[in-house]
């Protein structure tokens, strides 16, 4: 531990070369030829990226539910401001959790941020499915929005901080495309359940909104914590181990060393500017 700390303290004061990192990353083999990176992205997609599907699923589902007669009749044909409230309340829930989500991700880690958000959204989806009144339906959607911010705050950080420099831009770009995957899924689910002659025509799509959260909970703890978060909490050994395993394919390569130095230097710079 002391050897690692002494090396990191001297290396962070030295000038690392971003151009050298880019050069090494560019010369690295593509992800599909490296077993460790295949495993990393195989876990990163269900563990972090699918959180974006929830937002896309929700918007498409609420648009589709307005055409489902059993939903419309069950809640008294909401129109005007009442209908607008149903769609807008999820954004209000997200705003209300905004002060807490970054704090959880920074103090307890990105994985805990995703875990907390996923658990909250599962509760919200179950309540939404079991709603018996309009107020209960609106309240459940507030809970969904409250949990969504935890995931969408922690997920992109974990994705960008774990991704290999060679694929980081492409992988982070995929996050936003998952919004459309969720939207398409909701449209087809609601289209298929609309013919059910009962309230399950809208309860099934509501319940399935928790599916991305369940997927995340099943995968997130198989992922390592963010190396940047680990270093900022004086857990440099764990950060280096994660970088070696997934970016160096089990070896402490020059790229891994430079990435470690870059993270340490960035954190030290932040501490100097934001004491």
C-alpha atoms as a PDB file:
ATOM      1  CA  UNK A   1       0.000   0.000   0.000  1.00  0.00           C
ATOM      2  CA  UNK A   2       2.826   2.373   0.911  1.00  0.00           C
ATOM      3  CA  UNK A   3       4.611   1.591  -2.313  1.00  0.00           C
ATOM      4  CA  UNK A   4       1.502   2.402  -4.306  1.00  0.00           C
ATOM      5  CA  UNK A   5       0.868   5.636  -2.383  1.00  0.00           C
ATOM      6  CA  UNK A   6       4.432   6.848  -2.786  1.00  0.00           C
ATOM      7  CA  UNK A   7       4.337   6.117  -6.482  1.00  0.00           C
ATOM      8  CA  UNK A   8       0.993   7.887  -6.956  1.00  0.00           C
ATOM      9  CA  UNK A   9       2.119  10.956  -5.004  1.00  0.00           C
ATOM     10  CA  UNK A  10       5.219  11.380  -7.119  1.00  0.00           C
ATOM     11  CA  UNK A  11       3.504  10.507 -10.366  1.00  0.00           C
ATOM     12  CA  UNK A  12       0.714  13.008  -9.905  1.00  0.00           C
ATOM     13  CA  UNK A  13       3.200  15.849  -9.529  1.00  0.00           C
ATOM     14  CA  UNK A  14       4.893  14.778 -12.716  1.00  0.00           C
ATOM     15  CA  UNK A  15       3.506  15.864 -15.993  1.00  0.00           C
ATOM     16  CA  UNK A  16       1.436  13.137 -17.534  1.00  0.00           C
ATOM     17  CA  UNK A  17       0.913  13.448 -21.255  1.00  0.00           C
ATOM     18  CA  UNK A  18      -2.701  13.396 -22.451  1.00  0.00           C
ATOM     19  CA  UNK A  19      -1.465  13.043 -26.006  1.00  0.00           C
ATOM     20  CA  UNK A  20       0.418   9.916 -24.980  1.00  0.00           C
ATOM     21  CA  UNK A  21      -2.754   8.467 -23.431  1.00  0.00           C
ATOM     22  CA  UNK A  22      -4.651   9.146 -26.661  1.00  0.00           C
ATOM     23  CA  UNK A  23      -1.876   7.553 -28.689  1.00  0.00           C
ATOM     24  CA  UNK A  24      -1.778   4.424 -26.536  1.00  0.00           C
ATOM     25  CA  UNK A  25      -5.552   4.152 -26.534  1.00  0.00           C
ATOM     26  CA  UNK A  26      -5.691   4.507 -30.293  1.00  0.00           C
ATOM     27  CA  UNK A  27      -3.128   1.718 -30.716  1.00  0.00           C
ATOM     28  CA  UNK A  28      -5.016  -0.614 -28.349  1.00  0.00           C
ATOM     29  CA  UNK A  29      -6.870  -3.538 -29.952  1.00  0.00           C
ATOM     30  CA  UNK A  30     -10.653  -3.138 -30.320  1.00  0.00           C
ATOM     31  CA  UNK A  31     -12.813  -4.217 -27.419  1.00  0.00           C
ATOM     32  CA  UNK A  32     -14.142  -7.359 -29.079  1.00  0.00           C
ATOM     33  CA  UNK A  33     -10.617  -8.790 -29.244  1.00  0.00           C
ATOM     34  CA  UNK A  34      -9.930  -8.267 -25.530  1.00  0.00           C
ATOM     35  CA  UNK A  35     -11.687 -10.590 -23.081  1.00  0.00           C
ATOM     36  CA  UNK A  36     -11.532  -8.188 -20.134  1.00  0.00           C
ATOM     37  CA  UNK A  37     -13.156  -5.372 -22.071  1.00  0.00           C
ATOM     38  CA  UNK A  38     -15.825  -7.663 -23.497  1.00  0.00           C
ATOM     39  CA  UNK A  39     -16.704  -8.584 -19.928  1.00  0.00           C
ATOM     40  CA  UNK A  40     -16.610  -4.937 -18.830  1.00  0.00           C
ATOM     41  CA  UNK A  41     -19.059  -3.764 -21.477  1.00  0.00           C
ATOM     42  CA  UNK A  42     -21.166  -6.888 -21.034  1.00  0.00           C
ATOM     43  CA  UNK A  43     -21.689  -5.830 -17.422  1.00  0.00           C
ATOM     44  CA  UNK A  44     -21.740  -2.084 -18.010  1.00  0.00           C
ATOM     45  CA  UNK A  45     -24.732  -2.190 -20.333  1.00  0.00           C
ATOM     46  CA  UNK A  46     -27.168  -3.901 -17.932  1.00  0.00           C
ATOM     47  CA  UNK A  47     -25.551  -2.387 -14.850  1.00  0.00           C
ATOM     48  CA  UNK A  48     -25.563   1.278 -15.809  1.00  0.00           C
ATOM     49  CA  UNK A  49     -26.594   2.117 -19.364  1.00  0.00           C
ATOM     50  CA  UNK A  50     -30.128   0.674 -19.266  1.00  0.00           C
ATOM     51  CA  UNK A  51     -31.204   3.341 -16.738  1.00  0.00           C
ATOM     52  CA  UNK A  52     -31.794   5.624 -19.711  1.00  0.00           C
ATOM     53  CA  UNK A  53     -34.465   3.227 -20.950  1.00  0.00           C
ATOM     54  CA  UNK A  54     -36.727   4.105 -18.019  1.00  0.00           C
ATOM     55  CA  UNK A  55     -37.124   7.714 -19.080  1.00  0.00           C
ATOM     56  CA  UNK A  56     -37.872   6.794 -22.695  1.00  0.00           C
ATOM     57  CA  UNK A  57     -40.238   4.049 -21.587  1.00  0.00           C
ATOM     58  CA  UNK A  58     -42.182   6.428 -19.365  1.00  0.00           C
ATOM     59  CA  UNK A  59     -42.761   9.106 -21.990  1.00  0.00           C
ATOM     60  CA  UNK A  60     -43.954   6.636 -24.608  1.00  0.00           C
ATOM     61  CA  UNK A  61     -46.078   4.695 -22.121  1.00  0.00           C
ATOM     62  CA  UNK A  62     -47.968   7.759 -20.910  1.00  0.00           C
ATOM     63  CA  UNK A  63     -48.693   8.847 -24.462  1.00  0.00           C
ATOM     64  CA  UNK A  64     -49.960   5.370 -25.291  1.00  0.00           C
ATOM     65  CA  UNK A  65     -52.067   4.975 -22.144  1.00  0.00           C
ATOM     66  CA  UNK A  66     -54.198   7.923 -23.195  1.00  0.00           C
ATOM     67  CA  UNK A  67     -55.544   5.721 -25.984  1.00  0.00           C
ATOM     68  CA  UNK A  68     -56.371   2.837 -23.615  1.00  0.00           C
ATOM     69  CA  UNK A  69     -60.041   3.104 -22.703  1.00  0.00           C
ATOM     70  CA  UNK A  70     -59.710   1.137 -19.461  1.00  0.00           C
ATOM     71  CA  UNK A  71     -57.061   3.571 -18.170  1.00  0.00           C
ATOM     72  CA  UNK A  72     -59.062   6.589 -19.273  1.00  0.00           C
ATOM     73  CA  UNK A  73     -62.292   5.369 -17.691  1.00  0.00           C
ATOM     74  CA  UNK A  74     -60.656   4.056 -14.508  1.00  0.00           C
ATOM     75  CA  UNK A  75     -59.209   7.453 -13.622  1.00  0.00           C
ATOM     76  CA  UNK A  76     -62.239   9.505 -14.585  1.00  0.00           C
ATOM     77  CA  UNK A  77     -61.151  10.618 -18.057  1.00  0.00           C
ATOM     78  CA  UNK A  78     -58.403  13.059 -16.950  1.00  0.00           C
ATOM     79  CA  UNK A  79     -58.194  16.090 -19.206  1.00  0.00           C
ATOM     80  CA  UNK A  80     -56.517  19.460 -19.197  1.00  0.00           C
ATOM     81  CA  UNK A  81     -54.425  20.204 -16.107  1.00  0.00           C
ATOM     82  CA  UNK A  82     -55.094  16.783 -14.572  1.00  0.00           C
ATOM     83  CA  UNK A  83     -53.751  15.043 -17.654  1.00  0.00           C
ATOM     84  CA  UNK A  84     -50.796  17.385 -17.759  1.00  0.00           C
ATOM     85  CA  UNK A  85     -50.040  16.628 -14.123  1.00  0.00           C
ATOM     86  CA  UNK A  86     -49.785  12.907 -14.827  1.00  0.00           C
ATOM     87  CA  UNK A  87     -47.053  13.518 -17.393  1.00  0.00           C
ATOM     88  CA  UNK A  88     -45.248  16.332 -15.587  1.00  0.00           C
ATOM     89  CA  UNK A  89     -45.143  14.854 -12.086  1.00  0.00           C
ATOM     90  CA  UNK A  90     -42.247  12.541 -12.932  1.00  0.00           C
ATOM     91  CA  UNK A  91     -40.147  15.610 -13.763  1.00  0.00           C
ATOM     92  CA  UNK A  92     -41.130  17.197 -10.452  1.00  0.00           C
ATOM     93  CA  UNK A  93     -39.989  14.063  -8.630  1.00  0.00           C
ATOM     94  CA  UNK A  94     -36.677  14.207 -10.472  1.00  0.00           C
ATOM     95  CA  UNK A  95     -36.207  17.848  -9.493  1.00  0.00           C
ATOM     96  CA  UNK A  96     -36.930  17.115  -5.829  1.00  0.00           C
ATOM     97  CA  UNK A  97     -34.257  14.405  -5.675  1.00  0.00           C
ATOM     98  CA  UNK A  98     -31.644  16.510  -7.482  1.00  0.00           C
ATOM     99  CA  UNK A  99     -29.993  17.757  -4.236  1.00  0.00           C
ATOM    100  CA  UNK A 100     -29.640  14.208  -2.890  1.00  0.00           C
ATOM    101  CA  UNK A 101     -28.584  12.152  -5.916  1.00  0.00           C
ATOM    102  CA  UNK A 102     -25.124  13.746  -6.431  1.00  0.00           C
ATOM    103  CA  UNK A 103     -24.428  13.530  -2.699  1.00  0.00           C
ATOM    104  CA  UNK A 104     -25.130   9.780  -2.643  1.00  0.00           C
ATOM    105  CA  UNK A 105     -23.007   9.174  -5.766  1.00  0.00           C
ATOM    106  CA  UNK A 106     -20.097  11.219  -4.383  1.00  0.00           C
ATOM    107  CA  UNK A 107     -20.144   9.961  -0.794  1.00  0.00           C
ATOM    108  CA  UNK A 108     -21.153   6.322  -1.187  1.00  0.00           C
ATOM    109  CA  UNK A 109     -20.115   5.578  -4.759  1.00  0.00           C
ATOM    110  CA  UNK A 110     -21.664   5.335  -8.190  1.00  0.00           C
ATOM    111  CA  UNK A 111     -22.908   1.801  -7.604  1.00  0.00           C
ATOM    112  CA  UNK A 112     -24.827   2.845  -4.504  1.00  0.00           C
ATOM    113  CA  UNK A 113     -26.372   5.746  -6.409  1.00  0.00           C
ATOM    114  CA  UNK A 114     -27.662   3.342  -9.054  1.00  0.00           C
ATOM    115  CA  UNK A 115     -28.813   0.864  -6.407  1.00  0.00           C
ATOM    116  CA  UNK A 116     -30.764   3.462  -4.425  1.00  0.00           C
ATOM    117  CA  UNK A 117     -32.396   4.859  -7.564  1.00  0.00           C
ATOM    118  CA  UNK A 118     -33.320   1.419  -8.884  1.00  0.00           C
ATOM    119  CA  UNK A 119     -34.933   0.397  -5.584  1.00  0.00           C
ATOM    120  CA  UNK A 120     -36.974   3.600  -5.459  1.00  0.00           C
ATOM    121  CA  UNK A 121     -38.162   3.145  -9.039  1.00  0.00           C
ATOM    122  CA  UNK A 122     -39.176  -0.465  -8.410  1.00  0.00           C
ATOM    123  CA  UNK A 123     -41.351   0.747  -5.518  1.00  0.00           C
ATOM    124  CA  UNK A 124     -42.807   3.459  -7.757  1.00  0.00           C
ATOM    125  CA  UNK A 125     -43.599   1.024 -10.570  1.00  0.00           C
ATOM    126  CA  UNK A 126     -45.327  -1.400  -8.196  1.00  0.00           C
ATOM    127  CA  UNK A 127     -47.437   1.391  -6.701  1.00  0.00           C
ATOM    128  CA  UNK A 128     -48.252   2.652 -10.200  1.00  0.00           C
ATOM    129  CA  UNK A 129     -49.447  -0.814 -11.197  1.00  0.00           C
ATOM    130  CA  UNK A 130     -51.517  -1.166  -8.001  1.00  0.00           C
ATOM    131  CA  UNK A 131     -53.033   2.327  -8.155  1.00  0.00           C
ATOM    132  CA  UNK A 132     -56.690   2.516  -7.157  1.00  0.00           C
ATOM    133  CA  UNK A 133     -57.124   6.291  -7.326  1.00  0.00           C
ATOM    134  CA  UNK A 134     -55.891   9.092  -9.522  1.00  0.00           C
ATOM    135  CA  UNK A 135     -53.928  10.566  -6.608  1.00  0.00           C
ATOM    136  CA  UNK A 136     -52.172   7.257  -5.997  1.00  0.00           C
ATOM    137  CA  UNK A 137     -51.237   7.012  -9.667  1.00  0.00           C
ATOM    138  CA  UNK A 138     -49.807  10.531  -9.632  1.00  0.00           C
ATOM    139  CA  UNK A 139     -47.925   9.861  -6.388  1.00  0.00           C
ATOM    140  CA  UNK A 140     -46.374   6.684  -7.756  1.00  0.00           C
ATOM    141  CA  UNK A 141     -45.102   8.601 -10.759  1.00  0.00           C
ATOM    142  CA  UNK A 142     -43.542  11.182  -8.426  1.00  0.00           C
ATOM    143  CA  UNK A 143     -41.663   8.319  -6.744  1.00  0.00           C
ATOM    144  CA  UNK A 144     -40.505   7.046 -10.136  1.00  0.00           C
ATOM    145  CA  UNK A 145     -39.110  10.457 -10.992  1.00  0.00           C
ATOM    146  CA  UNK A 146     -37.481  10.768  -7.575  1.00  0.00           C
ATOM    147  CA  UNK A 147     -35.564   7.537  -8.116  1.00  0.00           C
ATOM    148  CA  UNK A 148     -34.744   8.262 -11.745  1.00  0.00           C
ATOM    149  CA  UNK A 149     -32.415  11.134 -10.866  1.00  0.00           C
ATOM    150  CA  UNK A 150     -30.263   8.878  -8.680  1.00  0.00           C
ATOM    151  CA  UNK A 151     -29.683   6.535 -11.607  1.00  0.00           C
ATOM    152  CA  UNK A 152     -29.183   9.178 -14.286  1.00  0.00           C
ATOM    153  CA  UNK A 153     -26.710  10.990 -12.037  1.00  0.00           C
ATOM    154  CA  UNK A 154     -24.579   7.974 -11.148  1.00  0.00           C
ATOM    155  CA  UNK A 155     -24.857   5.973 -14.374  1.00  0.00           C
ATOM    156  CA  UNK A 156     -23.116   8.329 -16.824  1.00  0.00           C
ATOM    157  CA  UNK A 157     -20.308   8.917 -14.315  1.00  0.00           C
ATOM    158  CA  UNK A 158     -19.732   5.195 -13.896  1.00  0.00           C
ATOM    159  CA  UNK A 159     -19.919   4.586 -17.640  1.00  0.00           C
ATOM    160  CA  UNK A 160     -17.387   7.286 -18.550  1.00  0.00           C
ATOM    161  CA  UNK A 161     -15.047   6.496 -15.644  1.00  0.00           C
ATOM    162  CA  UNK A 162     -14.947   2.750 -16.310  1.00  0.00           C
ATOM    163  CA  UNK A 163     -14.872   2.775 -20.114  1.00  0.00           C
ATOM    164  CA  UNK A 164     -11.570   2.259 -21.876  1.00  0.00           C
ATOM    165  CA  UNK A 165     -10.278   5.501 -23.487  1.00  0.00           C
ATOM    166  CA  UNK A 166     -10.504   3.911 -26.938  1.00  0.00           C
ATOM    167  CA  UNK A 167     -14.270   3.331 -26.668  1.00  0.00           C
ATOM    168  CA  UNK A 168     -15.271   5.956 -24.092  1.00  0.00           C
ATOM    169  CA  UNK A 169     -16.932   8.320 -26.572  1.00  0.00           C
ATOM    170  CA  UNK A 170     -18.849   5.538 -28.317  1.00  0.00           C
ATOM    171  CA  UNK A 171     -19.995   3.906 -25.084  1.00  0.00           C
ATOM    172  CA  UNK A 172     -21.218   7.157 -23.529  1.00  0.00           C
ATOM    173  CA  UNK A 173     -23.049   7.972 -26.764  1.00  0.00           C
ATOM    174  CA  UNK A 174     -24.914   4.670 -26.488  1.00  0.00           C
ATOM    175  CA  UNK A 175     -26.438   5.869 -23.204  1.00  0.00           C
ATOM    176  CA  UNK A 176     -28.664   8.379 -24.961  1.00  0.00           C
ATOM    177  CA  UNK A 177     -29.757   5.893 -27.616  1.00  0.00           C
ATOM    178  CA  UNK A 178     -31.212   3.716 -24.848  1.00  0.00           C
ATOM    179  CA  UNK A 179     -33.896   6.396 -24.380  1.00  0.00           C
ATOM    180  CA  UNK A 180     -35.281   5.386 -27.764  1.00  0.00           C
ATOM    181  CA  UNK A 181     -35.034   1.684 -26.935  1.00  0.00           C
ATOM    182  CA  UNK A 182     -37.197   2.289 -23.889  1.00  0.00           C
ATOM    183  CA  UNK A 183     -39.619   4.389 -25.904  1.00  0.00           C
ATOM    184  CA  UNK A 184     -40.006   1.733 -28.595  1.00  0.00           C
ATOM    185  CA  UNK A 185     -40.432  -1.011 -25.994  1.00  0.00           C
ATOM    186  CA  UNK A 186     -43.193   0.906 -24.211  1.00  0.00           C
ATOM    187  CA  UNK A 187     -45.027   1.609 -27.452  1.00  0.00           C
ATOM    188  CA  UNK A 188     -45.097  -2.073 -28.421  1.00  0.00           C
ATOM    189  CA  UNK A 189     -45.979  -3.279 -24.924  1.00  0.00           C
ATOM    190  CA  UNK A 190     -48.893  -0.879 -24.663  1.00  0.00           C
ATOM    191  CA  UNK A 191     -49.979  -1.708 -28.197  1.00  0.00           C
ATOM    192  CA  UNK A 192     -50.068  -5.382 -27.278  1.00  0.00           C
ATOM    193  CA  UNK A 193     -51.901  -4.978 -23.946  1.00  0.00           C
ATOM    194  CA  UNK A 194     -54.499  -2.468 -25.155  1.00  0.00           C
ATOM    195  CA  UNK A 195     -56.814  -5.304 -26.217  1.00  0.00           C
ATOM    196  CA  UNK A 196     -56.941  -6.874 -22.733  1.00  0.00           C
ATOM    197  CA  UNK A 197     -60.537  -6.336 -21.520  1.00  0.00           C
ATOM    198  CA  UNK A 198     -59.585  -5.235 -17.994  1.00  0.00           C
ATOM    199  CA  UNK A 199     -57.426  -2.796 -16.071  1.00  0.00           C
ATOM    200  CA  UNK A 200     -54.464  -5.034 -16.805  1.00  0.00           C
ATOM    201  CA  UNK A 201     -54.380  -3.308 -20.182  1.00  0.00           C
ATOM    202  CA  UNK A 202     -52.631  -0.430 -18.381  1.00  0.00           C
ATOM    203  CA  UNK A 203     -51.336  -2.176 -15.253  1.00  0.00           C
ATOM    204  CA  UNK A 204     -48.991  -4.471 -17.213  1.00  0.00           C
ATOM    205  CA  UNK A 205     -47.150  -1.615 -18.981  1.00  0.00           C
ATOM    206  CA  UNK A 206     -46.973   0.218 -15.638  1.00  0.00           C
ATOM    207  CA  UNK A 207     -45.466  -2.775 -13.884  1.00  0.00           C
ATOM    208  CA  UNK A 208     -42.952  -3.449 -16.654  1.00  0.00           C
ATOM    209  CA  UNK A 209     -41.512   0.010 -16.080  1.00  0.00           C
ATOM    210  CA  UNK A 210     -39.489  -1.495 -13.252  1.00  0.00           C
ATOM    211  CA  UNK A 211     -37.766  -4.005 -15.575  1.00  0.00           C
ATOM    212  CA  UNK A 212     -34.705  -1.802 -16.336  1.00  0.00           C
ATOM    213  CA  UNK A 213     -34.239  -1.244 -12.606  1.00  0.00           C
ATOM    214  CA  UNK A 214     -34.368  -4.976 -11.897  1.00  0.00           C
ATOM    215  CA  UNK A 215     -31.788  -5.548 -14.631  1.00  0.00           C
ATOM    216  CA  UNK A 216     -29.527  -2.924 -13.082  1.00  0.00           C
ATOM    217  CA  UNK A 217     -29.786  -4.399  -9.596  1.00  0.00           C
ATOM    218  CA  UNK A 218     -28.889  -7.833 -10.954  1.00  0.00           C
ATOM    219  CA  UNK A 219     -25.698  -6.555 -12.628  1.00  0.00           C
ATOM    220  CA  UNK A 220     -24.424  -3.447 -10.853  1.00  0.00           C
ATOM    221  CA  UNK A 221     -22.564  -5.220  -8.039  1.00  0.00           C
ATOM    222  CA  UNK A 222     -20.630  -7.343 -10.512  1.00  0.00           C
ATOM    223  CA  UNK A 223     -19.045  -4.121 -11.784  1.00  0.00           C
ATOM    224  CA  UNK A 224     -16.084  -2.487 -10.053  1.00  0.00           C
ATOM    225  CA  UNK A 225     -16.531   0.908  -8.476  1.00  0.00           C
ATOM    226  CA  UNK A 226     -15.387   3.953 -10.432  1.00  0.00           C
ATOM    227  CA  UNK A 227     -11.567   4.271 -10.280  1.00  0.00           C
ATOM    228  CA  UNK A 228     -11.948   8.018  -9.964  1.00  0.00           C
ATOM    229  CA  UNK A 229     -14.249   7.666  -6.962  1.00  0.00           C
ATOM    230  CA  UNK A 230     -11.922   5.128  -5.366  1.00  0.00           C
ATOM    231  CA  UNK A 231      -8.884   7.368  -5.723  1.00  0.00           C
ATOM    232  CA  UNK A 232     -10.766  10.379  -4.364  1.00  0.00           C
ATOM    233  CA  UNK A 233     -11.579   8.284  -1.263  1.00  0.00           C
ATOM    234  CA  UNK A 234      -7.987   7.133  -0.722  1.00  0.00           C
ATOM    235  CA  UNK A 235      -8.550   3.671  -2.152  1.00  0.00           C
ATOM    236  CA  UNK A 236      -5.920   3.847  -4.837  1.00  0.00           C
ATOM    237  CA  UNK A 237      -5.025   0.151  -4.651  1.00  0.00           C
ATOM    238  CA  UNK A 238      -8.564  -0.842  -5.635  1.00  0.00           C
ATOM    239  CA  UNK A 239      -8.623   1.743  -8.419  1.00  0.00           C
ATOM    240  CA  UNK A 240      -5.355   0.479  -9.860  1.00  0.00           C
ATOM    241  CA  UNK A 241      -6.578  -3.107  -9.634  1.00  0.00           C
ATOM    242  CA  UNK A 242      -9.711  -2.186 -11.615  1.00  0.00           C
ATOM    243  CA  UNK A 243      -7.687  -0.349 -14.257  1.00  0.00           C
ATOM    244  CA  UNK A 244      -5.247  -3.247 -14.572  1.00  0.00           C
ATOM    245  CA  UNK A 245      -8.030  -5.795 -14.885  1.00  0.00           C
ATOM    246  CA  UNK A 246     -10.220  -4.007 -17.418  1.00  0.00           C
ATOM    247  CA  UNK A 247      -7.920  -1.545 -19.214  1.00  0.00           C
ATOM    248  CA  UNK A 248      -4.676  -3.503 -19.087  1.00  0.00           C
ATOM    249  CA  UNK A 249      -6.173  -6.986 -19.524  1.00  0.00           C
ATOM    250  CA  UNK A 250      -4.465  -8.079 -16.313  1.00  0.00           C
ATOM    251  CA  UNK A 251      -1.196  -6.192 -16.859  1.00  0.00           C
ATOM    252  CA  UNK A 252       0.042  -2.886 -15.468  1.00  0.00           C
ATOM    253  CA  UNK A 253       0.625  -1.326 -18.875  1.00  0.00           C
ATOM    254  CA  UNK A 254       1.886   2.148 -19.644  1.00  0.00           C
ATOM    255  CA  UNK A 255      -1.668   3.214 -20.489  1.00  0.00           C
ATOM    256  CA  UNK A 256      -2.912   2.050 -17.089  1.00  0.00           C
ATOM    257  CA  UNK A 257      -0.143   3.956 -15.294  1.00  0.00           C
ATOM    258  CA  UNK A 258      -0.858   7.131 -17.245  1.00  0.00           C
ATOM    259  CA  UNK A 259      -4.603   6.862 -16.615  1.00  0.00           C
ATOM    260  CA  UNK A 260      -3.940   6.463 -12.897  1.00  0.00           C
ATOM    261  CA  UNK A 261      -1.654   9.508 -12.908  1.00  0.00           C
ATOM    262  CA  UNK A 262      -4.189  11.550 -14.852  1.00  0.00           C
ATOM    263  CA  UNK A 263      -6.987  10.763 -12.392  1.00  0.00           C
ATOM    264  CA  UNK A 264      -4.768  11.591  -9.393  1.00  0.00           C
ATOM    265  CA  UNK A 265      -3.652  14.861 -10.949  1.00  0.00           C
ATOM    266  CA  UNK A 266      -7.237  15.876 -11.780  1.00  0.00           C
ATOM    267  CA  UNK A 267      -8.402  15.157  -8.239  1.00  0.00           C
ATOM    268  CA  UNK A 268      -5.514  17.099  -6.722  1.00  0.00           C
ATOM    269  CA  UNK A 269      -6.289  20.035  -9.016  1.00  0.00           C
ATOM    270  CA  UNK A 270      -9.944  19.962  -7.930  1.00  0.00           C
ATOM    271  CA  UNK A 271      -8.936  19.947  -4.272  1.00  0.00           C
ATOM    272  CA  UNK A 272      -6.741  22.997  -4.820  1.00  0.00           C
ATOM    273  CA  UNK A 273      -9.428  24.952  -6.650  1.00  0.00           C
ATOM    274  CA  UNK A 274     -12.370  23.752  -4.537  1.00  0.00           C
ATOM    275  CA  UNK A 275     -11.079  23.295  -0.966  1.00  0.00           C
END
